[in-house]
Protein backbone atom coordinates (compact mmCIF):
# COMPACT_ATOMS: atom_id res chain seq x y z
CA MET A 1 -9.24 12.99 13.69
CA THR A 2 -7.48 10.73 11.14
CA SER A 3 -8.81 7.21 10.87
CA ILE A 4 -6.07 4.54 10.69
CA ALA A 5 -7.24 1.58 8.66
CA TYR A 6 -5.81 -1.86 8.23
CA CYS A 7 -5.53 -3.32 4.72
CA THR A 8 -7.53 -6.46 4.01
CA ASN A 9 -5.12 -7.69 1.31
CA VAL A 10 -3.69 -9.76 4.14
CA HIS A 11 -6.78 -11.98 3.66
CA PRO A 12 -7.02 -14.30 0.62
CA ALA A 13 -10.75 -14.23 -0.25
CA GLU A 14 -11.52 -13.27 -3.86
CA ASP A 15 -15.31 -13.57 -3.84
CA LEU A 16 -17.93 -11.60 -1.97
CA PRO A 17 -19.11 -14.34 0.42
CA GLY A 18 -15.49 -15.09 1.31
CA ILE A 19 -14.70 -11.46 1.94
CA ILE A 20 -17.66 -11.10 4.33
CA ALA A 21 -16.69 -14.32 6.09
CA GLN A 22 -13.17 -12.98 6.60
CA LEU A 23 -14.52 -9.71 7.97
CA ASP A 24 -16.34 -11.84 10.56
CA ARG A 25 -13.28 -13.92 11.26
CA TYR A 26 -10.74 -11.09 11.50
CA ALA A 27 -12.02 -7.54 11.19
CA VAL A 28 -14.80 -7.78 13.81
CA PRO A 29 -12.42 -9.42 16.36
CA VAL A 30 -9.88 -6.67 15.67
CA ARG A 31 -12.52 -4.05 16.38
CA GLU A 32 -13.57 -5.85 19.52
CA GLU A 33 -9.93 -6.22 20.66
CA LEU A 34 -9.45 -2.50 20.28
CA GLY A 35 -12.65 -1.81 22.17
CA VAL A 36 -14.09 0.61 19.56
CA ASP A 37 -17.50 0.99 17.96
CA THR A 38 -16.12 1.41 14.41
CA LEU A 39 -13.02 0.16 12.64
CA ALA A 40 -11.62 1.56 9.41
CA LEU A 41 -10.62 -0.82 6.64
CA GLY A 42 -8.47 -0.42 3.57
CA LEU A 43 -10.46 -2.88 1.53
CA TRP A 44 -8.98 -5.04 -1.18
CA LEU A 45 -11.38 -6.29 -3.84
CA ALA A 46 -10.00 -8.67 -6.47
CA GLU A 47 -11.05 -7.72 -10.01
CA PRO A 48 -14.06 -10.09 -10.36
CA VAL A 49 -15.53 -8.81 -7.10
CA ALA A 50 -14.97 -5.15 -7.99
CA ARG A 51 -16.44 -5.63 -11.47
CA GLY A 52 -19.50 -7.52 -10.12
CA LEU A 53 -20.19 -4.83 -7.52
CA ALA A 54 -19.71 -2.02 -10.01
CA GLU A 55 -22.33 -3.57 -12.26
CA ASP A 56 -24.91 -4.12 -9.46
CA VAL A 57 -25.99 -1.19 -7.35
CA THR A 58 -28.04 -3.50 -5.16
CA ALA A 59 -24.99 -5.57 -4.38
CA ARG A 60 -23.00 -2.42 -3.53
CA ARG A 61 -25.70 -1.27 -1.13
CA GLY A 62 -25.78 -4.74 0.33
CA LEU A 63 -22.03 -4.68 0.98
CA ALA A 64 -22.35 -1.21 2.57
CA ALA A 65 -25.05 -2.59 4.85
CA GLU A 66 -22.89 -5.61 5.76
CA LEU A 67 -20.04 -3.28 6.72
CA ARG A 68 -22.26 -1.00 8.82
CA ALA A 69 -23.75 -3.98 10.62
CA ARG A 70 -20.25 -5.01 11.70
CA GLY A 71 -19.11 -1.53 12.75
CA LEU A 72 -16.71 -1.29 9.76
CA THR A 73 -16.05 1.70 7.53
CA VAL A 74 -14.23 2.03 4.22
CA SER A 75 -12.71 5.26 2.87
CA THR A 76 -9.87 3.69 0.88
CA LEU A 77 -9.38 0.74 -1.44
CA ASN A 78 -6.11 -1.04 -2.24
CA ALA A 79 -6.33 -1.69 -6.00
CA PHE A 80 -2.60 -2.58 -6.51
CA PRO A 81 -3.13 -6.37 -6.63
CA TYR A 82 -5.51 -7.27 -9.44
CA GLY A 83 -6.04 -10.83 -8.17
CA GLY A 84 -4.22 -13.97 -7.10
CA PHE A 85 -2.44 -12.17 -4.31
CA HIS A 86 -2.24 -15.28 -2.14
CA GLN A 87 -1.18 -17.82 -4.78
CA ASP A 88 1.76 -20.01 -3.86
CA VAL A 89 3.97 -17.76 -6.04
CA VAL A 90 3.08 -14.12 -6.70
CA LYS A 91 6.38 -12.36 -7.32
CA HIS A 92 6.26 -10.24 -10.55
CA SER A 93 2.66 -11.12 -11.36
CA VAL A 94 1.49 -8.55 -8.83
CA TYR A 95 2.49 -5.87 -11.29
CA LEU A 96 0.06 -7.16 -13.94
CA PRO A 97 -1.93 -5.92 -15.70
CA ARG A 98 0.18 -2.84 -16.30
CA TRP A 99 -1.25 0.67 -16.74
CA THR A 100 -0.83 0.22 -20.51
CA ASP A 101 -3.42 -2.62 -20.38
CA PRO A 102 -7.10 -1.59 -20.63
CA ARG A 103 -7.91 -4.11 -17.91
CA ARG A 104 -6.07 -1.99 -15.32
CA LEU A 105 -8.12 1.08 -16.18
CA SER A 106 -11.39 -0.86 -16.14
CA TYR A 107 -10.56 -2.42 -12.76
CA THR A 108 -9.68 0.94 -11.26
CA MET A 109 -12.83 2.55 -12.58
CA ALA A 110 -14.85 -0.28 -11.12
CA CYS A 111 -13.18 0.27 -7.76
CA ALA A 112 -14.06 3.95 -7.91
CA THR A 113 -17.72 3.14 -8.56
CA VAL A 114 -17.78 0.75 -5.63
CA LEU A 115 -15.96 3.06 -3.24
CA ALA A 116 -18.35 5.98 -3.92
CA ASP A 117 -21.19 3.91 -2.47
CA LEU A 118 -19.18 2.63 0.54
CA LEU A 119 -17.87 5.99 1.81
CA PRO A 120 -19.10 6.85 5.31
CA ASP A 121 -20.77 10.19 5.88
CA SER A 122 -17.67 11.36 7.76
CA ALA A 123 -15.35 10.87 4.76
CA SER A 124 -14.33 14.02 2.81
CA TYR A 125 -12.92 11.92 -0.01
CA GLY A 126 -12.13 8.41 -1.03
CA SER A 127 -8.79 7.03 -2.15
CA ILE A 128 -7.59 4.16 -4.32
CA SER A 129 -3.95 3.09 -4.32
CA THR A 130 -2.46 1.55 -7.42
CA LEU A 131 0.76 0.22 -8.83
CA PRO A 132 3.54 2.55 -10.16
CA LEU A 133 2.71 1.91 -13.84
CA ALA A 134 4.46 -1.47 -14.13
CA TRP A 135 7.59 -3.45 -13.36
CA ARG A 136 10.44 -1.50 -14.96
CA GLU A 137 11.06 -3.86 -17.85
CA PRO A 138 9.88 -3.71 -20.53
CA TRP A 139 8.86 -0.02 -20.61
CA THR A 140 9.07 2.35 -23.60
CA LYS A 141 8.18 5.91 -24.55
CA THR A 142 5.08 4.45 -26.23
CA ASP A 143 4.11 2.92 -22.91
CA ASP A 144 4.42 6.39 -21.30
CA VAL A 145 1.93 7.71 -23.83
CA ARG A 146 -0.48 4.82 -23.29
CA ALA A 147 -0.33 5.11 -19.48
CA GLN A 148 -0.87 8.85 -19.61
CA ALA A 149 -3.90 8.33 -21.83
CA ALA A 150 -5.32 5.83 -19.32
CA PHE A 151 -4.83 8.30 -16.50
CA ASP A 152 -6.56 10.98 -18.57
CA VAL A 153 -9.59 8.71 -19.05
CA LEU A 154 -9.62 7.81 -15.37
CA ALA A 155 -9.39 11.48 -14.28
CA ARG A 156 -12.43 12.33 -16.44
CA TYR A 157 -14.29 9.42 -14.86
CA LEU A 158 -13.32 10.52 -11.34
CA ARG A 159 -14.49 14.08 -12.04
CA ALA A 160 -17.83 12.75 -13.19
CA GLU A 161 -18.11 10.51 -10.08
CA ALA A 162 -17.32 13.52 -7.87
CA ASP A 163 -20.07 15.53 -9.58
CA ARG A 164 -22.49 12.65 -9.09
CA ASN A 165 -21.64 11.88 -5.47
CA GLY A 166 -20.50 15.20 -4.11
CA ARG A 167 -17.20 13.83 -2.84
CA PRO A 168 -14.05 13.14 -4.84
CA ILE A 169 -12.38 9.77 -5.29
CA LYS A 170 -8.61 10.18 -5.75
CA LEU A 171 -6.07 7.81 -7.25
CA ALA A 172 -2.86 7.33 -5.22
CA VAL A 173 0.09 6.07 -7.29
CA GLU A 174 2.44 3.97 -5.12
CA PRO A 175 6.18 4.09 -5.95
CA GLU A 176 7.90 0.74 -5.37
CA PRO A 177 11.51 -0.40 -5.75
CA GLY A 178 12.14 -2.10 -9.10
CA CYS A 179 9.16 -0.55 -10.86
CA VAL A 180 8.94 2.10 -13.56
CA LEU A 181 8.27 4.60 -10.76
CA ASP A 182 10.89 3.17 -8.37
CA THR A 183 11.16 6.07 -5.97
CA VAL A 184 9.13 9.06 -4.86
CA ALA A 185 11.38 11.20 -7.03
CA ASP A 186 10.52 8.98 -10.04
CA ALA A 187 6.82 9.19 -9.32
CA VAL A 188 6.90 12.99 -8.89
CA GLY A 189 8.93 13.37 -12.08
CA TRP A 190 6.48 11.28 -14.12
CA LEU A 191 3.16 12.54 -12.62
CA ALA A 192 3.79 16.24 -12.12
CA GLY A 193 2.26 18.23 -14.90
CA ARG A 194 1.17 15.07 -16.70
CA VAL A 195 -1.95 14.13 -14.70
CA ASP A 196 -4.90 15.88 -13.08
CA HIS A 197 -3.49 16.86 -9.69
CA ASP A 198 -6.97 17.25 -8.17
CA HIS A 199 -7.68 13.56 -8.70
CA ILE A 200 -4.33 11.78 -8.95
CA GLY A 201 -1.51 11.97 -6.40
CA ILE A 202 0.87 9.81 -4.41
CA CYS A 203 0.48 6.82 -2.14
CA LEU A 204 3.43 7.09 0.23
CA ASP A 205 4.29 3.54 1.26
CA THR A 206 6.82 4.07 4.03
CA CYS A 207 8.39 0.60 3.64
CA HIS A 208 9.13 1.35 -0.01
CA LEU A 209 10.34 4.83 0.92
CA ALA A 210 12.74 3.36 3.49
CA VAL A 211 14.10 0.72 1.07
CA SER A 212 15.04 3.46 -1.36
CA PHE A 213 17.14 5.17 1.39
CA ALA A 214 15.43 8.50 0.50
CA ASP A 215 15.13 11.18 3.14
CA PRO A 216 11.47 11.02 4.19
CA VAL A 217 11.10 14.73 4.93
CA GLU A 218 12.67 15.80 1.66
CA ALA A 219 10.51 13.21 -0.22
CA VAL A 220 7.33 14.75 1.18
CA LYS A 221 8.55 18.27 0.39
CA GLU A 222 9.34 17.22 -3.19
CA ILE A 223 5.79 15.96 -3.66
CA HIS A 224 4.23 19.19 -2.49
CA ARG A 225 6.66 21.48 -4.38
CA THR A 226 5.24 20.16 -7.65
CA GLY A 227 1.59 20.68 -6.70
CA LEU A 228 0.99 16.96 -6.18
CA SER A 229 -0.37 15.68 -2.87
CA VAL A 230 -0.02 12.68 -0.65
CA VAL A 231 -3.43 11.07 -1.09
CA LYS A 232 -2.71 8.14 1.10
CA VAL A 233 -0.04 6.90 3.49
CA GLN A 234 0.59 3.17 3.77
CA ALA A 235 2.09 2.83 7.21
CA SER A 236 4.60 0.00 6.79
CA ALA A 237 8.12 -0.90 7.84
CA ALA A 238 11.01 -2.62 6.05
CA LEU A 239 13.65 -4.98 7.41
CA GLU A 240 17.08 -3.43 8.02
CA VAL A 241 20.43 -5.09 8.77
CA ALA A 242 23.40 -2.89 9.53
CA GLU A 243 26.05 -5.56 8.81
CA PRO A 244 24.64 -7.99 6.25
CA GLY A 245 28.06 -9.48 5.52
CA THR A 246 28.54 -11.05 8.93
CA ASP A 247 27.61 -14.68 9.57
CA GLU A 248 24.98 -13.50 12.05
CA GLY A 249 23.56 -10.97 9.61
CA LYS A 250 23.36 -13.44 6.76
CA ARG A 251 21.62 -16.07 8.89
CA ALA A 252 19.09 -13.59 10.23
CA ILE A 253 18.18 -12.13 6.85
CA ALA A 254 18.14 -15.52 5.11
CA ALA A 255 15.34 -16.63 7.42
CA PHE A 256 13.04 -14.22 5.53
CA VAL A 257 13.54 -15.89 2.13
CA GLU A 258 10.20 -17.24 0.99
CA PRO A 259 8.68 -18.12 -2.39
CA ARG A 260 5.49 -16.06 -2.58
CA TYR A 261 6.38 -12.39 -2.70
CA LEU A 262 9.16 -10.30 -4.20
CA HIS A 263 11.52 -8.86 -1.57
CA GLN A 264 13.64 -6.18 -3.24
CA VAL A 265 16.89 -5.29 -1.44
CA ARG A 266 18.92 -2.09 -1.48
CA GLU A 267 22.48 -1.61 -0.11
CA ASN A 268 23.45 1.90 0.84
CA THR A 269 27.09 2.43 -0.14
CA PRO A 270 29.14 5.68 -0.09
CA THR A 271 29.04 5.78 -3.91
CA GLY A 272 25.37 4.98 -4.37
CA VAL A 273 22.57 2.57 -3.65
CA LEU A 274 23.02 -0.97 -5.03
CA ALA A 275 19.99 -3.02 -5.97
CA ALA A 276 18.84 -6.62 -6.06
CA ASP A 277 15.36 -7.63 -7.20
CA ASP A 278 14.85 -10.34 -4.60
CA LEU A 279 16.38 -11.53 -1.34
CA PRO A 280 18.04 -14.76 -2.69
CA GLU A 281 19.71 -12.67 -5.42
CA ALA A 282 20.90 -10.14 -2.82
CA LEU A 283 22.43 -12.85 -0.64
CA THR A 284 24.39 -14.06 -3.67
CA ASP A 285 25.21 -10.90 -5.60
CA LEU A 286 25.42 -7.83 -3.35
CA PRO A 287 28.74 -7.06 -1.62
CA ALA A 288 27.01 -6.90 1.82
CA SER A 289 29.62 -4.44 3.09
CA HIS A 290 27.09 -1.70 3.90
CA PRO A 291 23.59 -1.60 5.44
CA TRP A 292 20.70 -3.34 3.70
CA ARG A 293 17.01 -2.53 3.67
CA VAL A 294 14.62 -5.24 2.47
CA HIS A 295 11.12 -4.89 1.04
CA PHE A 296 9.54 -7.21 3.55
CA HIS A 297 6.65 -5.57 5.42
CA VAL A 298 7.18 -6.40 9.10
CA PRO A 299 4.67 -5.80 11.92
CA LEU A 300 4.95 -2.24 13.18
CA HIS A 301 4.75 -3.11 16.87
CA ALA A 302 7.21 -6.04 16.89
CA GLU A 303 10.89 -5.15 16.49
CA PRO A 304 12.72 -8.02 14.77
CA ALA A 305 15.32 -9.97 16.73
CA ALA A 306 18.88 -8.61 16.63
CA PRO A 307 20.82 -8.07 14.47
CA LEU A 308 17.77 -7.08 12.40
CA THR A 309 15.82 -3.90 12.96
CA SER A 310 12.81 -2.28 11.25
CA THR A 311 12.43 1.12 9.65
CA THR A 312 9.64 2.50 11.84
CA ASP A 313 11.79 5.60 12.28
CA VAL A 314 11.27 6.36 8.59
CA LEU A 315 7.53 5.79 8.95
CA LEU A 316 7.28 8.21 11.84
CA ALA A 317 9.39 10.91 10.13
CA ALA A 318 7.32 10.57 6.93
CA ALA A 319 4.04 10.78 8.81
CA GLU A 320 5.16 13.90 10.68
CA ALA A 321 6.31 15.47 7.41
CA VAL A 322 2.96 14.73 5.77
CA ARG A 323 1.08 16.18 8.71
CA ALA A 324 3.15 19.35 8.60
CA ALA A 325 2.68 19.77 4.85
CA SER A 326 -1.11 19.18 4.76
CA ASP A 327 -4.09 20.98 6.20
CA VAL A 328 -5.75 17.59 6.66
CA MET A 329 -3.91 14.35 7.31
CA PRO A 330 -4.54 11.98 4.35
CA HIS A 331 -5.81 8.45 4.68
CA VAL A 332 -3.51 6.14 6.68
CA GLU A 333 -3.55 2.42 6.07
CA VAL A 334 -1.50 -0.14 7.92
CA GLU A 335 -0.46 -2.62 5.20
CA THR A 336 1.33 -5.65 6.54
CA TYR A 337 0.28 -8.24 4.01
CA THR A 338 3.15 -10.58 4.92
CA TRP A 339 1.76 -12.08 8.15
CA THR A 340 1.29 -15.53 6.52
CA VAL A 341 4.95 -15.67 5.36
CA LEU A 342 6.69 -14.28 8.41
CA PRO A 343 9.22 -16.80 9.76
CA GLY A 344 8.29 -18.36 13.07
CA LEU A 345 4.95 -16.57 13.36
CA SER A 346 2.89 -17.77 16.31
CA THR A 347 0.63 -14.70 16.86
CA ASP A 348 -3.12 -14.95 16.23
CA LEU A 349 -3.75 -12.79 13.16
CA ALA A 350 -6.56 -10.72 14.58
CA ALA A 351 -4.56 -10.04 17.76
CA GLY A 352 -1.51 -9.12 15.69
CA ILE A 353 -3.46 -6.68 13.50
CA ALA A 354 -5.00 -5.09 16.60
CA ALA A 355 -1.57 -4.70 18.17
CA GLU A 356 -0.24 -3.01 15.00
CA LEU A 357 -3.19 -0.63 14.93
CA ARG A 358 -2.62 0.26 18.62
CA TRP A 359 1.01 1.03 17.82
CA ALA A 360 0.02 3.19 14.84
CA ILE A 361 -2.59 5.08 16.89
CA ASP A 362 -0.12 5.66 19.72
CA HIS A 363 2.77 6.75 17.52
CA ILE A 364 1.09 8.45 14.50
CA GLY A 365 -2.05 9.68 16.17
CA GLY A 366 -5.60 9.14 15.10
CA ALA A 367 -8.25 6.52 15.67
CA PRO A 368 -9.04 3.09 14.22
C-alpha cells in the first residue's frame, strides 16, 4: 500500500535540534490525530543540516533512531529549497543555487547519502525532489551543458549508492511555472534521452500541473512514452477563479497576495495561456477575461470560499493516471508549505495537516 507523506518544508527549522523539536511539536501530534503507529514524512533538510549529516554516519544513525522512536518514517526528501525557505521574502531565491552551480550538486548528493540511511525496511527505493534546473532567465545553451554534466555526475553517484545499499535513490525533477522546465512537456523534452532514466525522473507536482492548464492524463502518458517515470507525486492544489475580472473575483484573489513566496498566475484564453510571474503583476497586467489558476498551494481538504475553487480535480485525475501507468504507485507527498501565509488561517497546524492527510488517504488511497 502506498504511503502518503506530508512534507516538512512547512516547518522553518534549519538545524538538527530544531528539526527534532518540530517533529515533536507537529509530526507526532499528526500521527496521534490520525491514530496510526507510523507516519510517513517528506523530510526537508536545509543544506547545512544535510551536509553535516552526510559527513557524520553517527549523526545519521542518531536521526534514524529519533525518527523510529517517534513512529516516523522517511522514504523521500524535498531538496528543492536549499535554505532560507521561511525568510520574510523568499520569492526567486528559492531557485538558487541553480543546477549549473556545484553547490546544488553537492547538496543533492548529501541528501542522497542521508536518505540511504533513513529508508525504512519497507521502502523499495528513496526519492529526492529538486528544482527544474533554474528560474527561466538567464539560461543559455552553455547552461544546458553544465546542468547535464551535473546530472551525469549525480547519476553515477546514485548508482554507486544503490550498489552500496541495495536500494536505489532516485532524483525527481519538479517542473514549475516560470522555470526553465516550466511544464511537464518541457521537463520531458529536456530530460528524455539526456539523463539516466533509471535514477532520474519526474516529480509531478499537481498544483504546478494544474496552473499550466495541461491535461493531467496526457501529461502522465507523455512522461511514460519517453521511458521516463514519475518518481514522486506532490499532492497539491492550486487556486482557481473562473471570473477573475469581476469585482468579487478580484477581491477574493487579492486576499492571497503576500510577500514571502512567488505565486505565478496563468490565464487560459482561447488563443493560448497568458502568464504573470506573481499575483500582484497578474492583478495589474492580465486581461482577467478568462479563468485563472494561481500557484498558491491550498489545503486539500478545505475548499476556498466562493468565487474561488481549488484544483483537486486535477490532482485526482493525475493520481489515477499515474496509478494506471505504473506497476507500483510512486511516493506521494502532500506539500502545502503555505499554511503560515494563508489569509485568515485559524486552524491548528497539526490538526490541519492531519485533515489534509485524511483527505488524501480517502481520495487517493494509501496509508499515512
